[in-house]
């Protein structure tokens, strides 16, 4: 059971970094730092969008319009942190 918990924690950690990478990439794309016409850059951006958008879209639908500011990645990161800490402090000790 410990192996399952460690695998879930690792998956949450990987998704955490994918969300951060997606946010940074969107900033770089918005400020024309990266060239979106480059095939590699486009494929990386497309991958990050497809991986993070299903989790971010419901959060964006619940949030009010804040103009050009998107805080949905922050809310998702907080939710992932809560889930991770809940697993580590509540579920894991109960199973050991």
PDB file of N, CA and C in Angstrom:
ATOM      1  N   UNK A   1       0.809  -1.185   0.000  1.00  0.00           N
ATOM      2  CA  UNK A   1       0.000   0.000   0.000  1.00  0.00           C
ATOM      3  C   UNK A   1       0.864   1.266   0.000  1.00  0.00           C
ATOM      4  N   UNK A   2       2.020   1.152   0.627  1.00  0.00           N
ATOM      5  CA  UNK A   2       2.939   2.285   0.654  1.00  0.00           C
ATOM      6  C   UNK A   2       3.406   2.653  -0.759  1.00  0.00           C
ATOM      7  N   UNK A   3       3.617   1.648  -1.580  1.00  0.00           N
ATOM      8  CA  UNK A   3       4.045   1.907  -2.960  1.00  0.00           C
ATOM      9  C   UNK A   3       2.975   2.678  -3.727  1.00  0.00           C
ATOM     10  N   UNK A   4       1.714   2.366  -3.493  1.00  0.00           N
ATOM     11  CA  UNK A   4       0.617   3.080  -4.157  1.00  0.00           C
ATOM     12  C   UNK A   4       0.573   4.540  -3.708  1.00  0.00           C
ATOM     13  N   UNK A   5       0.733   4.768  -2.428  1.00  0.00           N
ATOM     14  CA  UNK A   5       0.723   6.137  -1.913  1.00  0.00           C
ATOM     15  C   UNK A   5       1.900   6.930  -2.477  1.00  0.00           C
ATOM     16  N   UNK A   6       3.073   6.332  -2.510  1.00  0.00           N
ATOM     17  CA  UNK A   6       4.240   7.020  -3.068  1.00  0.00           C
ATOM     18  C   UNK A   6       4.054   7.307  -4.558  1.00  0.00           C
ATOM     19  N   UNK A   7       3.415   6.409  -5.288  1.00  0.00           N
ATOM     20  CA  UNK A   7       3.152   6.634  -6.706  1.00  0.00           C
ATOM     21  C   UNK A   7       2.173   7.777  -6.909  1.00  0.00           C
ATOM     22  N   UNK A   8       1.148   7.833  -6.085  1.00  0.00           N
ATOM     23  CA  UNK A   8       0.180   8.936  -6.182  1.00  0.00           C
ATOM     24  C   UNK A   8       0.844  10.262  -5.854  1.00  0.00           C
ATOM     25  N   UNK A   9       1.682  10.279  -4.833  1.00  0.00           N
ATOM     26  CA  UNK A   9       2.396  11.506  -4.456  1.00  0.00           C
ATOM     27  C   UNK A   9       3.325  11.945  -5.589  1.00  0.00           C
ATOM     28  N   UNK A  10       4.012  10.998  -6.211  1.00  0.00           N
ATOM     29  CA  UNK A  10       4.899  11.345  -7.324  1.00  0.00           C
ATOM     30  C   UNK A  10       4.107  11.892  -8.509  1.00  0.00           C
ATOM     31  N   UNK A  11       2.959  11.297  -8.802  1.00  0.00           N
ATOM     32  CA  UNK A  11       2.118  11.794  -9.896  1.00  0.00           C
ATOM     33  C   UNK A  11       1.626  13.203  -9.603  1.00  0.00           C
ATOM     34  N   UNK A  12       1.255  13.474  -8.354  1.00  0.00           N
ATOM     35  CA  UNK A  12       0.847  14.828  -7.980  1.00  0.00           C
ATOM     36  C   UNK A  12       2.001  15.812  -8.125  1.00  0.00           C
ATOM     37  N   UNK A  13       3.201  15.394  -7.731  1.00  0.00           N
ATOM     38  CA  UNK A  13       4.370  16.262  -7.875  1.00  0.00           C
ATOM     39  C   UNK A  13       4.685  16.557  -9.337  1.00  0.00           C
ATOM     40  N   UNK A  14       4.584  15.563 -10.195  1.00  0.00           N
ATOM     41  CA  UNK A  14       4.832  15.770 -11.630  1.00  0.00           C
ATOM     42  C   UNK A  14       3.796  16.721 -12.206  1.00  0.00           C
ATOM     43  N   UNK A  15       2.529  16.521 -11.831  1.00  0.00           N
ATOM     44  CA  UNK A  15       1.476  17.409 -12.341  1.00  0.00           C
ATOM     45  C   UNK A  15       1.664  18.833 -11.822  1.00  0.00           C
ATOM     46  N   UNK A  16       2.161  18.965 -10.594  1.00  0.00           N
ATOM     47  CA  UNK A  16       2.476  20.277 -10.019  1.00  0.00           C
ATOM     48  C   UNK A  16       3.447  21.028 -10.945  1.00  0.00           C
ATOM     49  N   UNK A  17       4.527  20.346 -11.349  1.00  0.00           N
ATOM     50  CA  UNK A  17       5.532  20.981 -12.203  1.00  0.00           C
ATOM     51  C   UNK A  17       4.997  21.237 -13.608  1.00  0.00           C
ATOM     52  N   UNK A  18       4.112  20.401 -14.099  1.00  0.00           N
ATOM     53  CA  UNK A  18       3.508  20.649 -15.411  1.00  0.00           C
ATOM     54  C   UNK A  18       2.633  21.897 -15.384  1.00  0.00           C
ATOM     55  N   UNK A  19       1.932  22.126 -14.301  1.00  0.00           N
ATOM     56  CA  UNK A  19       1.114  23.335 -14.176  1.00  0.00           C
ATOM     57  C   UNK A  19       2.004  24.573 -14.141  1.00  0.00           C
ATOM     58  N   UNK A  20       3.087  24.521 -13.397  1.00  0.00           N
ATOM     59  CA  UNK A  20       4.022  25.651 -13.342  1.00  0.00           C
ATOM     60  C   UNK A  20       4.637  25.891 -14.720  1.00  0.00           C
ATOM     61  N   UNK A  21       5.041  24.828 -15.400  1.00  0.00           N
ATOM     62  CA  UNK A  21       5.613  24.977 -16.742  1.00  0.00           C
ATOM     63  C   UNK A  21       4.596  25.568 -17.705  1.00  0.00           C
ATOM     64  N   UNK A  22       3.348  25.162 -17.597  1.00  0.00           N
ATOM     65  CA  UNK A  22       2.308  25.700 -18.464  1.00  0.00           C
ATOM     66  C   UNK A  22       2.086  27.187 -18.214  1.00  0.00           C
ATOM     67  N   UNK A  23       2.096  27.593 -16.955  1.00  0.00           N
ATOM     68  CA  UNK A  23       1.919  29.017 -16.630  1.00  0.00           C
ATOM     69  C   UNK A  23       3.093  29.843 -17.154  1.00  0.00           C
ATOM     70  N   UNK A  24       4.310  29.353 -16.946  1.00  0.00           N
ATOM     71  CA  UNK A  24       5.487  30.071 -17.446  1.00  0.00           C
ATOM     72  C   UNK A  24       5.473  30.135 -18.962  1.00  0.00           C
ATOM     73  N   UNK A  25       5.109  29.029 -19.606  1.00  0.00           N
ATOM     74  CA  UNK A  25       5.054  29.016 -21.071  1.00  0.00           C
ATOM     75  C   UNK A  25       4.014  30.005 -21.582  1.00  0.00           C
ATOM     76  N   UNK A  26       2.877  30.099 -20.906  1.00  0.00           N
ATOM     77  CA  UNK A  26       1.852  31.048 -21.362  1.00  0.00           C
ATOM     78  C   UNK A  26       2.335  32.486 -21.229  1.00  0.00           C
ATOM     79  N   UNK A  27       3.120  32.772 -20.189  1.00  0.00           N
ATOM     80  CA  UNK A  27       3.692  34.116 -20.060  1.00  0.00           C
ATOM     81  C   UNK A  27       4.696  34.381 -21.167  1.00  0.00           C
ATOM     82  N   UNK A  28       5.559  33.415 -21.430  1.00  0.00           N
ATOM     83  CA  UNK A  28       6.550  33.581 -22.499  1.00  0.00           C
ATOM     84  C   UNK A  28       5.875  33.748 -23.848  1.00  0.00           C
ATOM     85  N   UNK A  29       4.808  33.020 -24.061  1.00  0.00           N
ATOM     86  CA  UNK A  29       4.062  33.125 -25.321  1.00  0.00           C
ATOM     87  C   UNK A  29       3.372  34.482 -25.423  1.00  0.00           C
ATOM     88  N   UNK A  30       2.790  34.966 -24.313  1.00  0.00           N
ATOM     89  CA  UNK A  30       2.071  36.237 -24.321  1.00  0.00           C
ATOM     90  C   UNK A  30       2.996  37.413 -24.574  1.00  0.00           C
ATOM     91  N   UNK A  31       4.227  37.332 -24.088  1.00  0.00           N
ATOM     92  CA  UNK A  31       5.169  38.431 -24.255  1.00  0.00           C
ATOM     93  C   UNK A  31       6.102  38.238 -25.444  1.00  0.00           C
ATOM     94  N   UNK A  32       5.781  37.294 -26.327  1.00  0.00           N
ATOM     95  CA  UNK A  32       6.544  37.029 -27.554  1.00  0.00           C
ATOM     96  C   UNK A  32       8.009  36.705 -27.287  1.00  0.00           C
ATOM     97  N   UNK A  33       8.279  36.007 -26.198  1.00  0.00           N
ATOM     98  CA  UNK A  33       9.636  35.578 -25.911  1.00  0.00           C
ATOM     99  C   UNK A  33       9.966  34.317 -26.695  1.00  0.00           C
ATOM    100  N   UNK A  34       8.982  33.444 -26.843  1.00  0.00           N
ATOM    101  CA  UNK A  34       9.161  32.217 -27.617  1.00  0.00           C
ATOM    102  C   UNK A  34       8.475  32.386 -28.973  1.00  0.00           C
ATOM    103  N   UNK A  35       8.995  31.689 -29.953  1.00  0.00           N
ATOM    104  CA  UNK A  35       8.454  31.756 -31.300  1.00  0.00           C
ATOM    105  C   UNK A  35       7.417  30.642 -31.472  1.00  0.00           C
ATOM    106  N   UNK A  36       6.129  30.975 -31.540  1.00  0.00           N
ATOM    107  CA  UNK A  36       5.106  29.930 -31.630  1.00  0.00           C
ATOM    108  C   UNK A  36       5.112  29.201 -32.972  1.00  0.00           C
ATOM    109  N   UNK A  37       5.781  29.769 -33.961  1.00  0.00           N
ATOM    110  CA  UNK A  37       5.838  29.115 -35.273  1.00  0.00           C
ATOM    111  C   UNK A  37       6.886  28.007 -35.323  1.00  0.00           C
ATOM    112  N   UNK A  38       7.749  27.957 -34.321  1.00  0.00           N
ATOM    113  CA  UNK A  38       8.719  26.885 -34.230  1.00  0.00           C
ATOM    114  C   UNK A  38       7.979  25.592 -33.886  1.00  0.00           C
ATOM    115  N   UNK A  39       8.267  24.523 -34.607  1.00  0.00           N
ATOM    116  CA  UNK A  39       7.522  23.280 -34.437  1.00  0.00           C
ATOM    117  C   UNK A  39       7.702  22.695 -33.036  1.00  0.00           C
ATOM    118  N   UNK A  40       8.915  22.715 -32.511  1.00  0.00           N
ATOM    119  CA  UNK A  40       9.156  22.172 -31.175  1.00  0.00           C
ATOM    120  C   UNK A  40       8.439  22.991 -30.114  1.00  0.00           C
ATOM    121  N   UNK A  41       8.531  24.306 -30.198  1.00  0.00           N
ATOM    122  CA  UNK A  41       7.882  25.185 -29.227  1.00  0.00           C
ATOM    123  C   UNK A  41       6.367  24.991 -29.295  1.00  0.00           C
ATOM    124  N   UNK A  42       5.832  24.869 -30.500  1.00  0.00           N
ATOM    125  CA  UNK A  42       4.408  24.647 -30.655  1.00  0.00           C
ATOM    126  C   UNK A  42       3.957  23.321 -30.065  1.00  0.00           C
ATOM    127  N   UNK A  43       4.758  22.288 -30.249  1.00  0.00           N
ATOM    128  CA  UNK A  43       4.373  20.982 -29.709  1.00  0.00           C
ATOM    129  C   UNK A  43       4.473  20.964 -28.181  1.00  0.00           C
ATOM    130  N   UNK A  44       5.466  21.635 -27.620  1.00  0.00           N
ATOM    131  CA  UNK A  44       5.570  21.731 -26.159  1.00  0.00           C
ATOM    132  C   UNK A  44       4.374  22.500 -25.608  1.00  0.00           C
ATOM    133  N   UNK A  45       4.040  23.615 -26.220  1.00  0.00           N
ATOM    134  CA  UNK A  45       2.891  24.403 -25.777  1.00  0.00           C
ATOM    135  C   UNK A  45       1.590  23.638 -25.894  1.00  0.00           C
ATOM    136  N   UNK A  46       1.434  22.904 -26.993  1.00  0.00           N
ATOM    137  CA  UNK A  46       0.231  22.100 -27.193  1.00  0.00           C
ATOM    138  C   UNK A  46       0.132  20.997 -26.140  1.00  0.00           C
ATOM    139  N   UNK A  47       1.255  20.343 -25.838  1.00  0.00           N
ATOM    140  CA  UNK A  47       1.271  19.302 -24.808  1.00  0.00           C
ATOM    141  C   UNK A  47       0.881  19.874 -23.452  1.00  0.00           C
ATOM    142  N   UNK A  48       1.495  20.991 -23.073  1.00  0.00           N
ATOM    143  CA  UNK A  48       1.195  21.593 -21.769  1.00  0.00           C
ATOM    144  C   UNK A  48      -0.265  22.033 -21.687  1.00  0.00           C
ATOM    145  N   UNK A  49      -0.791  22.562 -22.778  1.00  0.00           N
ATOM    146  CA  UNK A  49      -2.186  22.987 -22.795  1.00  0.00           C
ATOM    147  C   UNK A  49      -3.117  21.794 -22.635  1.00  0.00           C
ATOM    148  N   UNK A  50      -2.849  20.709 -23.374  1.00  0.00           N
ATOM    149  CA  UNK A  50      -3.723  19.531 -23.317  1.00  0.00           C
ATOM    150  C   UNK A  50      -3.657  18.821 -21.966  1.00  0.00           C
ATOM    151  N   UNK A  51      -2.524  18.908 -21.301  1.00  0.00           N
ATOM    152  CA  UNK A  51      -2.385  18.227 -20.014  1.00  0.00           C
ATOM    153  C   UNK A  51      -3.044  19.032 -18.890  1.00  0.00           C
ATOM    154  N   UNK A  52      -2.930  20.344 -18.924  1.00  0.00           N
ATOM    155  CA  UNK A  52      -3.405  21.156 -17.806  1.00  0.00           C
ATOM    156  C   UNK A  52      -4.808  21.733 -18.008  1.00  0.00           C
ATOM    157  N   UNK A  53      -5.241  21.897 -19.218  1.00  0.00           N
ATOM    158  CA  UNK A  53      -6.531  22.552 -19.465  1.00  0.00           C
ATOM    159  C   UNK A  53      -7.729  21.802 -18.889  1.00  0.00           C
ATOM    160  N   UNK A  54      -7.797  20.468 -18.938  1.00  0.00           N
ATOM    161  CA  UNK A  54      -8.969  19.809 -18.334  1.00  0.00           C
ATOM    162  C   UNK A  54      -9.131  20.078 -16.838  1.00  0.00           C
ATOM    163  N   UNK A  55      -8.061  20.323 -16.125  1.00  0.00           N
ATOM    164  CA  UNK A  55      -8.162  20.633 -14.701  1.00  0.00           C
ATOM    165  C   UNK A  55      -8.376  22.126 -14.458  1.00  0.00           C
ATOM    166  N   UNK A  56      -7.880  22.964 -15.354  1.00  0.00           N
ATOM    167  CA  UNK A  56      -7.997  24.408 -15.165  1.00  0.00           C
ATOM    168  C   UNK A  56      -9.343  24.966 -15.641  1.00  0.00           C
ATOM    169  N   UNK A  57      -9.945  24.369 -16.653  1.00  0.00           N
ATOM    170  CA  UNK A  57     -11.184  24.892 -17.231  1.00  0.00           C
ATOM    171  C   UNK A  57     -12.321  24.982 -16.209  1.00  0.00           C
ATOM    172  N   UNK A  58     -12.583  23.935 -15.400  1.00  0.00           N
ATOM    173  CA  UNK A  58     -13.673  24.082 -14.408  1.00  0.00           C
ATOM    174  C   UNK A  58     -13.406  25.179 -13.385  1.00  0.00           C
ATOM    175  N   UNK A  59     -12.150  25.381 -13.029  1.00  0.00           N
ATOM    176  CA  UNK A  59     -11.815  26.444 -12.083  1.00  0.00           C
ATOM    177  C   UNK A  59     -12.055  27.799 -12.730  1.00  0.00           C
ATOM    178  N   UNK A  60     -11.678  27.946 -13.985  1.00  0.00           N
ATOM    179  CA  UNK A  60     -11.898  29.211 -14.694  1.00  0.00           C
ATOM    180  C   UNK A  60     -13.385  29.510 -14.840  1.00  0.00           C
ATOM    181  N   UNK A  61     -14.205  28.476 -15.013  1.00  0.00           N
ATOM    182  CA  UNK A  61     -15.648  28.687 -15.137  1.00  0.00           C
ATOM    183  C   UNK A  61     -16.260  29.171 -13.828  1.00  0.00           C
ATOM    184  N   UNK A  62     -15.684  28.794 -12.693  1.00  0.00           N
ATOM    185  CA  UNK A  62     -16.214  29.215 -11.401  1.00  0.00           C
ATOM    186  C   UNK A  62     -15.756  30.601 -10.982  1.00  0.00           C
ATOM    187  N   UNK A  63     -14.589  31.020 -11.451  1.00  0.00           N
ATOM    188  CA  UNK A  63     -14.024  32.306 -11.048  1.00  0.00           C
ATOM    189  C   UNK A  63     -14.699  33.458 -11.788  1.00  0.00           C
ATOM    190  N   UNK A  64     -14.833  34.607 -11.130  1.00  0.00           N
ATOM    191  CA  UNK A  64     -15.332  35.782 -11.850  1.00  0.00           C
ATOM    192  C   UNK A  64     -14.270  36.308 -12.812  1.00  0.00           C
ATOM    193  N   UNK A  65     -14.700  37.132 -13.741  1.00  0.00           N
ATOM    194  CA  UNK A  65     -13.771  37.698 -14.713  1.00  0.00           C
ATOM    195  C   UNK A  65     -12.868  38.709 -14.014  1.00  0.00           C
ATOM    196  N   UNK A  66     -11.565  38.457 -14.054  1.00  0.00           N
ATOM    197  CA  UNK A  66     -10.597  39.347 -13.414  1.00  0.00           C
ATOM    198  C   UNK A  66      -9.791  40.141 -14.432  1.00  0.00           C
ATOM    199  N   UNK A  67     -10.339  40.314 -15.612  1.00  0.00           N
ATOM    200  CA  UNK A  67      -9.611  41.007 -16.665  1.00  0.00           C
ATOM    201  C   UNK A  67      -8.616  40.063 -17.300  1.00  0.00           C
ATOM    202  N   UNK A  68      -7.371  40.468 -17.377  1.00  0.00           N
ATOM    203  CA  UNK A  68      -6.341  39.642 -17.990  1.00  0.00           C
ATOM    204  C   UNK A  68      -5.597  38.754 -17.016  1.00  0.00           C
ATOM    205  N   UNK A  69      -6.044  38.710 -15.770  1.00  0.00           N
ATOM    206  CA  UNK A  69      -5.345  37.932 -14.749  1.00  0.00           C
ATOM    207  C   UNK A  69      -6.018  36.572 -14.608  1.00  0.00           C
ATOM    208  N   UNK A  70      -5.219  35.523 -14.694  1.00  0.00           N
ATOM    209  CA  UNK A  70      -5.720  34.162 -14.550  1.00  0.00           C
ATOM    210  C   UNK A  70      -5.098  33.547 -13.306  1.00  0.00           C
ATOM    211  N   UNK A  71      -5.917  33.381 -12.267  1.00  0.00           N
ATOM    212  CA  UNK A  71      -5.400  32.809 -11.022  1.00  0.00           C
ATOM    213  C   UNK A  71      -5.775  31.339 -10.876  1.00  0.00           C
ATOM    214  N   UNK A  72      -6.335  30.750 -11.913  1.00  0.00           N
ATOM    215  CA  UNK A  72      -6.732  29.341 -11.828  1.00  0.00           C
ATOM    216  C   UNK A  72      -5.547  28.404 -11.579  1.00  0.00           C
ATOM    217  N   UNK A  73      -4.339  28.646 -12.144  1.00  0.00           N
ATOM    218  CA  UNK A  73      -3.224  27.764 -11.787  1.00  0.00           C
ATOM    219  C   UNK A  73      -2.869  27.816 -10.303  1.00  0.00           C
ATOM    220  N   UNK A  74      -2.989  28.976  -9.701  1.00  0.00           N
ATOM    221  CA  UNK A  74      -2.684  29.100  -8.278  1.00  0.00           C
ATOM    222  C   UNK A  74      -3.686  28.305  -7.450  1.00  0.00           C
ATOM    223  N   UNK A  75      -4.955  28.399  -7.809  1.00  0.00           N
ATOM    224  CA  UNK A  75      -5.982  27.658  -7.085  1.00  0.00           C
ATOM    225  C   UNK A  75      -5.783  26.159  -7.260  1.00  0.00           C
ATOM    226  N   UNK A  76      -5.432  25.729  -8.467  1.00  0.00           N
ATOM    227  CA  UNK A  76      -5.181  24.309  -8.704  1.00  0.00           C
ATOM    228  C   UNK A  76      -3.951  23.833  -7.932  1.00  0.00           C
ATOM    229  N   UNK A  77      -2.912  24.645  -7.875  1.00  0.00           N
ATOM    230  CA  UNK A  77      -1.728  24.272  -7.100  1.00  0.00           C
ATOM    231  C   UNK A  77      -2.051  24.158  -5.614  1.00  0.00           C
ATOM    232  N   UNK A  78      -2.880  25.049  -5.108  1.00  0.00           N
ATOM    233  CA  UNK A  78      -3.296  24.959  -3.705  1.00  0.00           C
ATOM    234  C   UNK A  78      -4.105  23.687  -3.451  1.00  0.00           C
ATOM    235  N   UNK A  79      -4.976  23.332  -4.387  1.00  0.00           N
ATOM    236  CA  UNK A  79      -5.765  22.106  -4.245  1.00  0.00           C
ATOM    237  C   UNK A  79      -4.869  20.874  -4.276  1.00  0.00           C
ATOM    238  N   UNK A  80      -3.882  20.864  -5.175  1.00  0.00           N
ATOM    239  CA  UNK A  80      -2.953  19.744  -5.229  1.00  0.00           C
ATOM    240  C   UNK A  80      -2.131  19.644  -3.952  1.00  0.00           C
ATOM    241  N   UNK A  81      -1.719  20.790  -3.417  1.00  0.00           N
ATOM    242  CA  UNK A  81      -0.972  20.789  -2.160  1.00  0.00           C
ATOM    243  C   UNK A  81      -1.831  20.227  -1.025  1.00  0.00           C
ATOM    244  N   UNK A  82      -3.100  20.631  -0.986  1.00  0.00           N
ATOM    245  CA  UNK A  82      -3.998  20.122   0.039  1.00  0.00           C
ATOM    246  C   UNK A  82      -4.160  18.607  -0.078  1.00  0.00           C
ATOM    247  N   UNK A  83      -4.373  18.112  -1.291  1.00  0.00           N
ATOM    248  CA  UNK A  83      -4.533  16.668  -1.512  1.00  0.00           C
ATOM    249  C   UNK A  83      -3.271  15.922  -1.087  1.00  0.00           C
ATOM    250  N   UNK A  84      -2.127  16.462  -1.469  1.00  0.00           N
ATOM    251  CA  UNK A  84      -0.849  15.820  -1.120  1.00  0.00           C
ATOM    252  C   UNK A  84      -0.664  15.749   0.395  1.00  0.00           C
ATOM    253  N   UNK A  85      -0.917  16.869   1.072  1.00  0.00           N
ATOM    254  CA  UNK A  85      -0.753  16.896   2.521  1.00  0.00           C
ATOM    255  C   UNK A  85      -1.788  16.013   3.213  1.00  0.00           C
ATOM    256  N   UNK A  86      -3.000  15.966   2.685  1.00  0.00           N
ATOM    257  CA  UNK A  86      -4.029  15.103   3.257  1.00  0.00           C
ATOM    258  C   UNK A  86      -3.624  13.639   3.163  1.00  0.00           C
ATOM    259  N   UNK A  87      -3.067  13.254   2.031  1.00  0.00           N
ATOM    260  CA  UNK A  87      -2.610  11.870   1.864  1.00  0.00           C
ATOM    261  C   UNK A  87      -1.478  11.561   2.832  1.00  0.00           C
ATOM    262  N   UNK A  88      -0.518  12.470   2.929  1.00  0.00           N
ATOM    263  CA  UNK A  88       0.649  12.228   3.769  1.00  0.00           C
ATOM    264  C   UNK A  88       0.356  12.260   5.262  1.00  0.00           C
ATOM    265  N   UNK A  89      -0.566  13.127   5.687  1.00  0.00           N
ATOM    266  CA  UNK A  89      -0.795  13.278   7.114  1.00  0.00           C
ATOM    267  C   UNK A  89      -1.979  12.478   7.641  1.00  0.00           C
ATOM    268  N   UNK A  90      -2.920  12.118   6.787  1.00  0.00           N
ATOM    269  CA  UNK A  90      -4.121  11.447   7.264  1.00  0.00           C
ATOM    270  C   UNK A  90      -4.208   9.995   6.764  1.00  0.00           C
ATOM    271  N   UNK A  91      -4.067   9.807   5.480  1.00  0.00           N
ATOM    272  CA  UNK A  91      -4.270   8.474   4.896  1.00  0.00           C
ATOM    273  C   UNK A  91      -3.067   7.573   5.133  1.00  0.00           C
ATOM    274  N   UNK A  92      -1.870   8.070   4.851  1.00  0.00           N
ATOM    275  CA  UNK A  92      -0.679   7.235   4.979  1.00  0.00           C
ATOM    276  C   UNK A  92      -0.444   6.723   6.410  1.00  0.00           C
ATOM    277  N   UNK A  93      -0.542   7.574   7.439  1.00  0.00           N
ATOM    278  CA  UNK A  93      -0.344   7.033   8.799  1.00  0.00           C
ATOM    279  C   UNK A  93      -1.415   6.023   9.203  1.00  0.00           C
ATOM    280  N   UNK A  94      -2.619   6.181   8.692  1.00  0.00           N
ATOM    281  CA  UNK A  94      -3.685   5.240   9.038  1.00  0.00           C
ATOM    282  C   UNK A  94      -3.446   3.858   8.429  1.00  0.00           C
ATOM    283  N   UNK A  95      -2.755   3.837   7.283  1.00  0.00           N
ATOM    284  CA  UNK A  95      -2.497   2.561   6.605  1.00  0.00           C
ATOM    285  C   UNK A  95      -1.239   1.873   7.100  1.00  0.00           C
ATOM    286  N   UNK A  96      -0.379   2.608   7.742  1.00  0.00           N
ATOM    287  CA  UNK A  96       0.871   2.021   8.224  1.00  0.00           C
ATOM    288  C   UNK A  96       0.649   1.488   9.586  1.00  0.00           C
TER     289      UNK A  96
END
